[in-house]
Every structure is written in C-alpha cells, then in structure tokens.
Amino acid sequence: MYARRRHAYFVMMGTCIVLFVLAWGVVRLWSVPAAVGMCLVAMVIPPLAAVVANRRGPDDRWWDDPPPSSRLRSSRGDPHGDPQSDEWWDELDGRKRPR
C-alpha cells in the first residue's frame, strides 16, 4: 500500500512541476491567461498530493493500534498498543488502574 501511495504522490507532484514549467516556459508565449490557469491548477495539486500520500490504508496500523493478532484489552475494554501506553492514557484521563 505504501508504495502505491508514494507512487501517486510523485506522479502528482511531477505533474505539478511540469504544468508550472510549461506554463511559464512555453504556453505564456501564446496565451498568458492559459498560463495563469495552468499555474492555478498546479497550485491545487500539492495539497491533494499530501492528502493522497498520508491517507491511511486498510492494512496500515495507526500509532497506537494493536496488531491484528493481538486480542489484549485494557482495563477499560479498549484495545491497546502496550501496557505503558495504557498507564499514560489512564493517568491523562484521571483514572487509576488496579495493580
């Protein structure tokens, strides 16, 4: 999944650079409004590329998700990443964990 997102990101950013270079290197000689339009399109691409590159895939783990094989539960019944993380979250939530 990661390689596919990375590939999409580089294709989108490459398209952005090509649009910008062609707009002011070639197209502006015939039509300045078309060159400005191409730059406006190129301006929208980088944020969309960042969203595509950072999207969470169905197989990606999040920072505190347990691996799929883990069936451990915390005292709250929530899945956890590790016991130390649960202690920190319980402390932040104002809960005392039984020891």
C-alpha atoms as a PDB file:
ATOM      1  CA  MET A   1       0.000   0.000   0.000  1.00  0.00           C
ATOM      2  CA  TYR A   2       2.753   2.434   0.905  1.00  0.00           C
ATOM      3  CA  ALA A   3       4.469   2.084  -2.484  1.00  0.00           C
ATOM      4  CA  ARG A   4       1.224   2.797  -4.317  1.00  0.00           C
ATOM      5  CA  ARG A   5       0.596   5.984  -2.309  1.00  0.00           C
ATOM      6  CA  ARG A   6       4.206   7.094  -2.741  1.00  0.00           C
ATOM      7  CA  HIS A   7       3.972   6.494  -6.490  1.00  0.00           C
ATOM      8  CA  ALA A   8       0.734   8.510  -6.707  1.00  0.00           C
ATOM      9  CA  TYR A   9       2.339  11.336  -4.709  1.00  0.00           C
ATOM     10  CA  PHE A  10       5.356  11.565  -7.017  1.00  0.00           C
ATOM     11  CA  VAL A  11       3.171  11.412 -10.138  1.00  0.00           C
ATOM     12  CA  MET A  12       1.009  14.245  -8.817  1.00  0.00           C
ATOM     13  CA  MET A  13       3.994  16.370  -7.809  1.00  0.00           C
ATOM     14  CA  GLY A  14       5.691  15.681 -11.152  1.00  0.00           C
ATOM     15  CA  THR A  15       2.528  16.808 -12.922  1.00  0.00           C
ATOM     16  CA  CYS A  16       2.564  19.969 -10.825  1.00  0.00           C
ATOM     17  CA  ILE A  17       6.149  20.780 -11.798  1.00  0.00           C
ATOM     18  CA  VAL A  18       5.512  20.018 -15.478  1.00  0.00           C
ATOM     19  CA  LEU A  19       2.433  22.265 -15.503  1.00  0.00           C
ATOM     20  CA  PHE A  20       4.337  25.121 -13.884  1.00  0.00           C
ATOM     21  CA  VAL A  21       7.372  24.853 -16.166  1.00  0.00           C
ATOM     22  CA  LEU A  22       5.274  24.503 -19.325  1.00  0.00           C
ATOM     23  CA  ALA A  23       3.004  27.375 -18.296  1.00  0.00           C
ATOM     24  CA  TRP A  24       5.785  29.924 -17.992  1.00  0.00           C
ATOM     25  CA  GLY A  25       8.295  28.403 -20.389  1.00  0.00           C
ATOM     26  CA  VAL A  26       6.063  27.677 -23.371  1.00  0.00           C
ATOM     27  CA  VAL A  27       2.356  28.492 -23.011  1.00  0.00           C
ATOM     28  CA  ARG A  28       2.835  32.126 -21.909  1.00  0.00           C
ATOM     29  CA  LEU A  29       4.243  32.912 -25.360  1.00  0.00           C
ATOM     30  CA  TRP A  30       0.807  32.230 -26.875  1.00  0.00           C
ATOM     31  CA  SER A  31      -1.617  32.894 -24.022  1.00  0.00           C
ATOM     32  CA  VAL A  32      -0.904  34.437 -20.639  1.00  0.00           C
ATOM     33  CA  PRO A  33      -4.406  33.624 -19.302  1.00  0.00           C
ATOM     34  CA  ALA A  34      -3.871  29.953 -20.190  1.00  0.00           C
ATOM     35  CA  ALA A  35      -0.506  30.033 -18.411  1.00  0.00           C
ATOM     36  CA  VAL A  36      -2.121  31.559 -15.325  1.00  0.00           C
ATOM     37  CA  GLY A  37      -4.847  28.900 -15.464  1.00  0.00           C
ATOM     38  CA  MET A  38      -2.228  26.160 -15.643  1.00  0.00           C
ATOM     39  CA  CYS A  39      -0.477  27.644 -12.603  1.00  0.00           C
ATOM     40  CA  LEU A  40      -3.762  27.752 -10.698  1.00  0.00           C
ATOM     41  CA  VAL A  41      -4.279  24.058 -11.433  1.00  0.00           C
ATOM     42  CA  ALA A  42      -0.669  23.371 -10.396  1.00  0.00           C
ATOM     43  CA  MET A  43      -1.302  25.294  -7.165  1.00  0.00           C
ATOM     44  CA  VAL A  44      -4.119  22.916  -6.156  1.00  0.00           C
ATOM     45  CA  ILE A  45      -2.155  19.710  -6.762  1.00  0.00           C
ATOM     46  CA  PRO A  46       0.356  19.741  -3.809  1.00  0.00           C
ATOM     47  CA  PRO A  47      -2.287  19.748  -1.033  1.00  0.00           C
ATOM     48  CA  LEU A  48      -4.165  16.955  -2.795  1.00  0.00           C
ATOM     49  CA  ALA A  49      -0.921  15.012  -3.203  1.00  0.00           C
ATOM     50  CA  ALA A  50      -0.247  15.352   0.528  1.00  0.00           C
ATOM     51  CA  VAL A  51      -3.721  14.036   1.329  1.00  0.00           C
ATOM     52  CA  VAL A  52      -3.235  11.070  -1.011  1.00  0.00           C
ATOM     53  CA  ALA A  53       0.219  10.294   0.398  1.00  0.00           C
ATOM     54  CA  ASN A  54      -0.900  10.471   4.041  1.00  0.00           C
ATOM     55  CA  ARG A  55      -4.164   8.580   3.687  1.00  0.00           C
ATOM     56  CA  ARG A  56      -4.437   5.575   5.969  1.00  0.00           C
ATOM     57  CA  GLY A  57      -4.808   2.368   4.017  1.00  0.00           C
ATOM     58  CA  PRO A  58      -6.870  -0.617   5.188  1.00  0.00           C
ATOM     59  CA  ASP A  59      -3.703  -2.576   6.019  1.00  0.00           C
ATOM     60  CA  ASP A  60      -1.883   0.276   7.784  1.00  0.00           C
ATOM     61  CA  ARG A  61      -1.538   0.284  11.562  1.00  0.00           C
ATOM     62  CA  TRP A  62      -2.166   3.504  13.406  1.00  0.00           C
ATOM     63  CA  TRP A  63       0.296   4.705  16.048  1.00  0.00           C
ATOM     64  CA  ASP A  64      -1.428   3.015  19.000  1.00  0.00           C
ATOM     65  CA  ASP A  65      -3.447   0.252  17.357  1.00  0.00           C
ATOM     66  CA  PRO A  66      -2.643  -3.295  18.384  1.00  0.00           C
ATOM     67  CA  PRO A  67      -1.527  -5.703  15.692  1.00  0.00           C
ATOM     68  CA  PRO A  68      -4.442  -7.736  14.264  1.00  0.00           C
ATOM     69  CA  SER A  69      -3.290 -10.878  16.073  1.00  0.00           C
ATOM     70  CA  SER A  70      -3.381  -9.191  19.477  1.00  0.00           C
ATOM     71  CA  ARG A  71      -6.522  -9.804  21.498  1.00  0.00           C
ATOM     72  CA  LEU A  72      -5.364  -7.995  24.647  1.00  0.00           C
ATOM     73  CA  ARG A  73      -7.699  -5.475  26.243  1.00  0.00           C
ATOM     74  CA  SER A  74      -7.054  -2.735  28.744  1.00  0.00           C
ATOM     75  CA  SER A  75      -9.000  -2.250  31.969  1.00  0.00           C
ATOM     76  CA  ARG A  76     -11.400  -0.029  30.043  1.00  0.00           C
ATOM     77  CA  GLY A  77     -12.007  -2.727  27.467  1.00  0.00           C
ATOM     78  CA  ASP A  78     -10.245  -0.744  24.750  1.00  0.00           C
ATOM     79  CA  PRO A  79      -7.581  -2.309  22.580  1.00  0.00           C
ATOM     80  CA  HIS A  80      -4.150  -1.034  23.459  1.00  0.00           C
ATOM     81  CA  GLY A  81      -0.687  -0.785  21.997  1.00  0.00           C
ATOM     82  CA  ASP A  82       1.218  -1.637  25.151  1.00  0.00           C
ATOM     83  CA  PRO A  83       0.771  -1.532  28.958  1.00  0.00           C
ATOM     84  CA  GLN A  84       2.941   1.546  29.461  1.00  0.00           C
ATOM     85  CA  SER A  85       0.863   3.475  26.932  1.00  0.00           C
ATOM     86  CA  ASP A  86      -2.309   2.397  28.759  1.00  0.00           C
ATOM     87  CA  GLU A  87      -0.893   3.665  32.042  1.00  0.00           C
ATOM     88  CA  TRP A  88      -0.090   7.034  30.488  1.00  0.00           C
ATOM     89  CA  TRP A  89      -3.545   7.333  28.953  1.00  0.00           C
ATOM     90  CA  ASP A  90      -5.216   6.329  32.212  1.00  0.00           C
ATOM     91  CA  GLU A  91      -3.157   8.951  34.025  1.00  0.00           C
ATOM     92  CA  LEU A  92      -4.187  11.588  31.478  1.00  0.00           C
ATOM     93  CA  ASP A  93      -7.828  10.518  31.756  1.00  0.00           C
ATOM     94  CA  GLY A  94      -7.670  10.714  35.569  1.00  0.00           C
ATOM     95  CA  ARG A  95      -8.263   7.001  36.032  1.00  0.00           C
ATOM     96  CA  LYS A  96      -6.417   4.727  38.405  1.00  0.00           C
ATOM     97  CA  ARG A  97      -5.574   1.281  37.119  1.00  0.00           C
ATOM     98  CA  PRO A  98      -5.709  -1.632  39.519  1.00  0.00           C
ATOM     99  CA  ARG A  99      -2.254  -3.144  40.045  1.00  0.00           C
END
